[in-house]
Amino acid sequence: MSIRVIAVDNSEELLVKITGILKDMKGVELCGSFPEAIGAIQYVKENPVDMVFSDVVMPDISGITFASKLYELPNHPEVVLLSGIPGFSLEAWKIRAYDFIVKPYTRAQIVKVVDRYIRENERAV
């Protein structure tokens, strides 16, 4: 099973980090990376995406608001929120985000959440 993912982070350094991790993973097709949520929302509306990795604190709209908007879409992707502020995990839980990872994250943490998604969706097919 191959999953389609996008990454969203206004920090260029962190966007390069997450996209590098995702590009190197087997079973993952990195479809795009975005420095802001508005472009990412438009992309998801026009293209099939399975998972979104998004920063929480961004200048245009927060990752929490972004995830909420995505969850309103039919056939919405699952959203994994990333933040250096652990307190946002409660907000992530409230909107039923797929997962929440505290920055600085590791490759192993990203792999673990992707592997869980693949396992859960292989059973659903």
N, C-alpha and C. Protein backbone atom coordinates (compact mmCIF):
# COMPACT_ATOMS: atom_id res chain seq x y z
N MET A 1 0.85 -1.19 0.00
CA MET A 1 0.00 0.00 0.00
C MET A 1 0.89 1.24 0.00
N SER A 2 0.55 2.18 -0.86
CA SER A 2 1.27 3.45 -0.90
C SER A 2 0.30 4.55 -0.49
N ILE A 3 0.78 5.46 0.35
CA ILE A 3 -0.09 6.56 0.79
C ILE A 3 0.43 7.89 0.26
N ARG A 4 -0.51 8.76 -0.01
CA ARG A 4 -0.19 10.09 -0.55
C ARG A 4 -0.20 11.09 0.61
N VAL A 5 0.89 11.84 0.76
CA VAL A 5 1.01 12.77 1.87
C VAL A 5 1.45 14.15 1.39
N ILE A 6 1.12 15.15 2.20
CA ILE A 6 1.66 16.50 2.01
C ILE A 6 2.16 16.99 3.37
N ALA A 7 3.03 17.99 3.32
CA ALA A 7 3.59 18.59 4.53
C ALA A 7 3.37 20.10 4.48
N VAL A 8 3.08 20.67 5.66
CA VAL A 8 2.83 22.11 5.76
C VAL A 8 3.59 22.65 6.97
N ASP A 9 4.48 23.61 6.73
CA ASP A 9 5.21 24.25 7.84
C ASP A 9 5.76 25.57 7.33
N ASN A 10 5.54 26.64 8.08
CA ASN A 10 6.03 27.94 7.65
C ASN A 10 7.53 28.11 7.89
N SER A 11 8.13 27.21 8.66
CA SER A 11 9.58 27.23 8.86
C SER A 11 10.23 26.45 7.72
N GLU A 12 11.02 27.14 6.91
CA GLU A 12 11.66 26.49 5.76
C GLU A 12 12.53 25.32 6.21
N GLU A 13 13.27 25.51 7.29
CA GLU A 13 14.15 24.46 7.81
C GLU A 13 13.36 23.21 8.20
N LEU A 14 12.26 23.40 8.91
CA LEU A 14 11.46 22.26 9.35
C LEU A 14 10.68 21.62 8.19
N LEU A 15 10.30 22.43 7.21
CA LEU A 15 9.62 21.89 6.03
C LEU A 15 10.59 20.99 5.25
N VAL A 16 11.83 21.43 5.14
CA VAL A 16 12.86 20.60 4.47
C VAL A 16 13.07 19.31 5.26
N LYS A 17 13.07 19.40 6.59
CA LYS A 17 13.27 18.20 7.42
C LYS A 17 12.15 17.19 7.22
N ILE A 18 10.91 17.62 7.35
CA ILE A 18 9.79 16.68 7.25
C ILE A 18 9.67 16.14 5.83
N THR A 19 9.87 16.96 4.82
CA THR A 19 9.77 16.45 3.45
C THR A 19 10.89 15.46 3.17
N GLY A 20 12.07 15.70 3.71
CA GLY A 20 13.17 14.75 3.54
C GLY A 20 12.85 13.39 4.14
N ILE A 21 12.28 13.42 5.33
CA ILE A 21 11.89 12.16 6.00
C ILE A 21 10.84 11.43 5.16
N LEU A 22 9.81 12.16 4.73
CA LEU A 22 8.71 11.53 3.99
C LEU A 22 9.17 11.02 2.62
N LYS A 23 10.03 11.76 1.94
CA LYS A 23 10.54 11.34 0.62
C LYS A 23 11.29 10.02 0.71
N ASP A 24 12.00 9.81 1.78
CA ASP A 24 12.83 8.62 1.94
C ASP A 24 12.07 7.39 2.41
N MET A 25 10.81 7.53 2.74
CA MET A 25 10.04 6.41 3.28
C MET A 25 9.42 5.56 2.18
N LYS A 26 9.56 4.25 2.31
CA LYS A 26 8.90 3.33 1.38
C LYS A 26 7.40 3.36 1.68
N GLY A 27 6.61 3.28 0.62
CA GLY A 27 5.18 3.27 0.78
C GLY A 27 4.56 4.64 0.94
N VAL A 28 5.38 5.68 0.79
CA VAL A 28 4.89 7.06 0.93
C VAL A 28 5.19 7.83 -0.35
N GLU A 29 4.17 8.48 -0.88
CA GLU A 29 4.34 9.36 -2.03
C GLU A 29 4.15 10.80 -1.53
N LEU A 30 5.23 11.55 -1.48
CA LEU A 30 5.13 12.95 -1.07
C LEU A 30 4.59 13.75 -2.26
N CYS A 31 3.38 14.25 -2.11
CA CYS A 31 2.70 14.94 -3.21
C CYS A 31 2.94 16.44 -3.22
N GLY A 32 3.38 16.98 -2.10
CA GLY A 32 3.62 18.41 -2.05
C GLY A 32 4.05 18.86 -0.68
N SER A 33 4.68 20.03 -0.66
CA SER A 33 5.03 20.67 0.60
C SER A 33 4.68 22.15 0.46
N PHE A 34 4.15 22.69 1.54
CA PHE A 34 3.59 24.04 1.49
C PHE A 34 4.08 24.86 2.68
N PRO A 35 4.46 26.13 2.44
CA PRO A 35 4.88 27.00 3.54
C PRO A 35 3.72 27.66 4.28
N GLU A 36 2.49 27.44 3.78
CA GLU A 36 1.31 28.00 4.43
C GLU A 36 0.11 27.11 4.15
N ALA A 37 -0.89 27.23 5.00
CA ALA A 37 -2.05 26.33 4.95
C ALA A 37 -3.01 26.62 3.81
N ILE A 38 -3.14 27.85 3.39
CA ILE A 38 -4.13 28.21 2.37
C ILE A 38 -3.89 27.43 1.07
N GLY A 39 -2.64 27.41 0.62
CA GLY A 39 -2.31 26.65 -0.59
C GLY A 39 -2.52 25.16 -0.41
N ALA A 40 -2.25 24.67 0.80
CA ALA A 40 -2.43 23.25 1.09
C ALA A 40 -3.91 22.86 1.06
N ILE A 41 -4.77 23.72 1.58
CA ILE A 41 -6.22 23.44 1.55
C ILE A 41 -6.68 23.31 0.11
N GLN A 42 -6.25 24.23 -0.73
CA GLN A 42 -6.64 24.19 -2.15
C GLN A 42 -6.15 22.90 -2.80
N TYR A 43 -4.92 22.52 -2.50
CA TYR A 43 -4.36 21.30 -3.07
C TYR A 43 -5.19 20.08 -2.66
N VAL A 44 -5.53 19.98 -1.39
CA VAL A 44 -6.30 18.83 -0.89
C VAL A 44 -7.69 18.80 -1.51
N LYS A 45 -8.28 19.96 -1.77
CA LYS A 45 -9.59 20.01 -2.41
C LYS A 45 -9.55 19.45 -3.83
N GLU A 46 -8.39 19.60 -4.49
CA GLU A 46 -8.27 19.22 -5.90
C GLU A 46 -7.56 17.89 -6.13
N ASN A 47 -6.94 17.32 -5.09
CA ASN A 47 -6.13 16.12 -5.26
C ASN A 47 -6.37 15.14 -4.11
N PRO A 48 -6.34 13.85 -4.40
CA PRO A 48 -6.49 12.88 -3.31
C PRO A 48 -5.24 12.85 -2.43
N VAL A 49 -5.45 12.98 -1.13
CA VAL A 49 -4.37 12.97 -0.15
C VAL A 49 -4.83 12.10 1.02
N ASP A 50 -3.94 11.23 1.49
CA ASP A 50 -4.28 10.36 2.62
C ASP A 50 -3.91 10.97 3.97
N MET A 51 -2.73 11.60 4.03
CA MET A 51 -2.24 12.17 5.30
C MET A 51 -1.63 13.54 5.06
N VAL A 52 -1.81 14.39 6.07
CA VAL A 52 -1.21 15.72 6.07
C VAL A 52 -0.41 15.86 7.36
N PHE A 53 0.83 16.28 7.23
CA PHE A 53 1.66 16.62 8.39
C PHE A 53 1.73 18.13 8.43
N SER A 54 1.25 18.73 9.53
CA SER A 54 1.16 20.18 9.59
C SER A 54 1.67 20.74 10.91
N ASP A 55 2.40 21.83 10.80
CA ASP A 55 2.78 22.62 11.96
C ASP A 55 1.50 23.19 12.56
N VAL A 56 1.53 23.50 13.84
CA VAL A 56 0.35 24.10 14.48
C VAL A 56 0.43 25.62 14.40
N VAL A 57 1.57 26.20 14.75
CA VAL A 57 1.70 27.66 14.79
C VAL A 57 2.18 28.17 13.43
N MET A 58 1.26 28.80 12.70
CA MET A 58 1.57 29.36 11.39
C MET A 58 0.92 30.73 11.27
N PRO A 59 1.45 31.60 10.41
CA PRO A 59 0.95 32.98 10.36
C PRO A 59 -0.42 33.16 9.71
N ASP A 60 -0.78 32.35 8.71
CA ASP A 60 -2.05 32.61 8.03
C ASP A 60 -3.22 32.02 8.81
N ILE A 61 -3.24 30.73 9.01
CA ILE A 61 -4.21 30.11 9.91
C ILE A 61 -3.47 29.04 10.70
N SER A 62 -3.94 28.76 11.88
CA SER A 62 -3.24 27.78 12.71
C SER A 62 -3.44 26.37 12.15
N GLY A 63 -2.57 25.48 12.53
CA GLY A 63 -2.71 24.09 12.12
C GLY A 63 -3.99 23.47 12.64
N ILE A 64 -4.45 23.94 13.80
CA ILE A 64 -5.71 23.44 14.37
C ILE A 64 -6.88 23.84 13.46
N THR A 65 -6.93 25.10 13.06
CA THR A 65 -7.98 25.58 12.16
C THR A 65 -7.87 24.89 10.80
N PHE A 66 -6.65 24.76 10.32
CA PHE A 66 -6.39 24.08 9.05
C PHE A 66 -6.94 22.64 9.09
N ALA A 67 -6.60 21.91 10.14
CA ALA A 67 -7.07 20.53 10.27
C ALA A 67 -8.59 20.48 10.33
N SER A 68 -9.19 21.41 11.08
CA SER A 68 -10.66 21.46 11.18
C SER A 68 -11.29 21.65 9.82
N LYS A 69 -10.71 22.52 9.01
CA LYS A 69 -11.23 22.77 7.65
C LYS A 69 -11.08 21.52 6.78
N LEU A 70 -9.96 20.83 6.91
CA LEU A 70 -9.76 19.61 6.13
C LEU A 70 -10.78 18.54 6.53
N TYR A 71 -11.06 18.43 7.83
CA TYR A 71 -11.99 17.41 8.30
C TYR A 71 -13.43 17.67 7.86
N GLU A 72 -13.71 18.87 7.37
CA GLU A 72 -15.04 19.18 6.83
C GLU A 72 -15.22 18.65 5.41
N LEU A 73 -14.11 18.32 4.74
CA LEU A 73 -14.16 17.88 3.36
C LEU A 73 -14.61 16.43 3.26
N PRO A 74 -15.31 16.08 2.18
CA PRO A 74 -15.61 14.66 1.97
C PRO A 74 -14.30 13.93 1.68
N ASN A 75 -14.18 12.70 2.10
CA ASN A 75 -12.95 11.92 1.89
C ASN A 75 -11.71 12.67 2.36
N HIS A 76 -11.82 13.27 3.52
CA HIS A 76 -10.73 14.09 4.05
C HIS A 76 -9.51 13.23 4.40
N PRO A 77 -8.33 13.85 4.35
CA PRO A 77 -7.12 13.15 4.79
C PRO A 77 -7.05 13.15 6.32
N GLU A 78 -6.24 12.28 6.86
CA GLU A 78 -5.95 12.33 8.29
C GLU A 78 -4.85 13.37 8.50
N VAL A 79 -4.90 14.06 9.63
CA VAL A 79 -3.95 15.14 9.91
C VAL A 79 -3.11 14.80 11.13
N VAL A 80 -1.81 14.93 10.96
CA VAL A 80 -0.87 14.78 12.06
C VAL A 80 -0.33 16.17 12.34
N LEU A 81 -0.56 16.66 13.55
CA LEU A 81 -0.12 18.00 13.93
C LEU A 81 1.23 17.93 14.62
N LEU A 82 2.07 18.91 14.32
CA LEU A 82 3.43 19.00 14.84
C LEU A 82 3.59 20.33 15.55
N SER A 83 4.09 20.31 16.79
CA SER A 83 4.30 21.57 17.50
C SER A 83 5.33 21.43 18.59
N GLY A 84 6.03 22.50 18.84
CA GLY A 84 6.97 22.56 19.96
C GLY A 84 6.27 22.90 21.26
N ILE A 85 4.97 23.12 21.20
CA ILE A 85 4.18 23.48 22.39
C ILE A 85 3.29 22.29 22.74
N PRO A 86 3.68 21.49 23.72
CA PRO A 86 2.92 20.28 24.05
C PRO A 86 1.46 20.54 24.41
N GLY A 87 1.15 21.73 24.91
CA GLY A 87 -0.22 22.05 25.29
C GLY A 87 -1.21 21.98 24.14
N PHE A 88 -0.72 22.08 22.92
CA PHE A 88 -1.62 21.99 21.76
C PHE A 88 -2.15 20.58 21.56
N SER A 89 -1.59 19.61 22.25
CA SER A 89 -2.06 18.24 22.08
C SER A 89 -3.53 18.12 22.49
N LEU A 90 -3.97 18.89 23.48
CA LEU A 90 -5.38 18.87 23.88
C LEU A 90 -6.26 19.38 22.74
N GLU A 91 -5.83 20.45 22.09
CA GLU A 91 -6.60 20.98 20.96
C GLU A 91 -6.63 19.97 19.82
N ALA A 92 -5.52 19.30 19.59
CA ALA A 92 -5.46 18.27 18.55
C ALA A 92 -6.45 17.15 18.87
N TRP A 93 -6.51 16.76 20.12
CA TRP A 93 -7.43 15.72 20.55
C TRP A 93 -8.88 16.16 20.34
N LYS A 94 -9.17 17.42 20.66
CA LYS A 94 -10.54 17.93 20.53
C LYS A 94 -11.05 17.87 19.09
N ILE A 95 -10.17 18.12 18.14
CA ILE A 95 -10.61 18.08 16.73
C ILE A 95 -10.43 16.70 16.12
N ARG A 96 -9.97 15.76 16.93
CA ARG A 96 -9.76 14.38 16.50
C ARG A 96 -8.70 14.25 15.43
N ALA A 97 -7.61 14.98 15.61
CA ALA A 97 -6.46 14.82 14.72
C ALA A 97 -5.97 13.39 14.82
N TYR A 98 -5.40 12.90 13.75
CA TYR A 98 -4.92 11.51 13.73
C TYR A 98 -3.81 11.30 14.76
N ASP A 99 -2.95 12.29 14.89
CA ASP A 99 -1.87 12.20 15.87
C ASP A 99 -1.31 13.59 16.13
N PHE A 100 -0.53 13.68 17.19
CA PHE A 100 0.15 14.91 17.57
C PHE A 100 1.57 14.54 17.95
N ILE A 101 2.55 15.20 17.34
CA ILE A 101 3.96 14.92 17.61
C ILE A 101 4.62 16.21 18.08
N VAL A 102 5.29 16.13 19.22
CA VAL A 102 5.98 17.29 19.77
C VAL A 102 7.32 17.50 19.05
N LYS A 103 7.57 18.74 18.63
CA LYS A 103 8.86 19.10 18.04
C LYS A 103 9.88 19.27 19.16
N PRO A 104 11.12 18.98 18.96
CA PRO A 104 11.68 18.46 17.72
C PRO A 104 11.38 16.98 17.60
N TYR A 105 10.82 16.60 16.46
CA TYR A 105 10.44 15.21 16.22
C TYR A 105 11.61 14.46 15.59
N THR A 106 11.49 13.15 15.60
CA THR A 106 12.52 12.30 15.01
C THR A 106 11.92 11.55 13.82
N ARG A 107 12.80 11.04 13.00
CA ARG A 107 12.38 10.21 11.87
C ARG A 107 11.55 9.02 12.40
N ALA A 108 12.00 8.43 13.50
CA ALA A 108 11.31 7.27 14.06
C ALA A 108 9.86 7.60 14.42
N GLN A 109 9.60 8.79 14.94
CA GLN A 109 8.23 9.17 15.29
C GLN A 109 7.36 9.29 14.03
N ILE A 110 7.91 9.86 12.97
CA ILE A 110 7.16 10.00 11.72
C ILE A 110 6.88 8.62 11.12
N VAL A 111 7.90 7.77 11.11
CA VAL A 111 7.74 6.41 10.59
C VAL A 111 6.67 5.66 11.37
N LYS A 112 6.68 5.79 12.69
CA LYS A 112 5.72 5.09 13.53
C LYS A 112 4.28 5.48 13.19
N VAL A 113 4.01 6.76 13.02
CA VAL A 113 2.65 7.20 12.74
C VAL A 113 2.22 6.79 11.33
N VAL A 114 3.14 6.84 10.38
CA VAL A 114 2.81 6.41 9.01
C VAL A 114 2.54 4.91 8.99
N ASP A 115 3.38 4.14 9.66
CA ASP A 115 3.19 2.69 9.71
C ASP A 115 1.85 2.34 10.35
N ARG A 116 1.47 3.06 11.40
CA ARG A 116 0.18 2.81 12.05
C ARG A 116 -0.97 3.09 11.08
N TYR A 117 -0.86 4.19 10.34
CA TYR A 117 -1.88 4.54 9.36
C TYR A 117 -2.01 3.44 8.31
N ILE A 118 -0.88 2.99 7.79
CA ILE A 118 -0.89 1.94 6.76
C ILE A 118 -1.52 0.66 7.31
N ARG A 119 -1.12 0.25 8.50
CA ARG A 119 -1.69 -0.96 9.12
C ARG A 119 -3.21 -0.84 9.28
N GLU A 120 -3.67 0.28 9.80
CA GLU A 120 -5.10 0.48 10.04
C GLU A 120 -5.89 0.50 8.74
N ASN A 121 -5.31 1.03 7.70
CA ASN A 121 -6.05 1.15 6.43
C ASN A 121 -5.93 -0.09 5.57
N GLU A 122 -4.94 -0.91 5.78
CA GLU A 122 -4.88 -2.20 5.08
C GLU A 122 -6.01 -3.10 5.58
N ARG A 123 -6.28 -3.03 6.87
CA ARG A 123 -7.37 -3.83 7.45
C ARG A 123 -8.73 -3.33 6.96
N ALA A 124 -8.83 -2.03 6.71
CA ALA A 124 -10.12 -1.45 6.32
C ALA A 124 -10.48 -1.79 4.87
N VAL A 125 -9.50 -2.15 4.08
CA VAL A 125 -9.74 -2.41 2.64
C VAL A 125 -10.38 -3.76 2.44
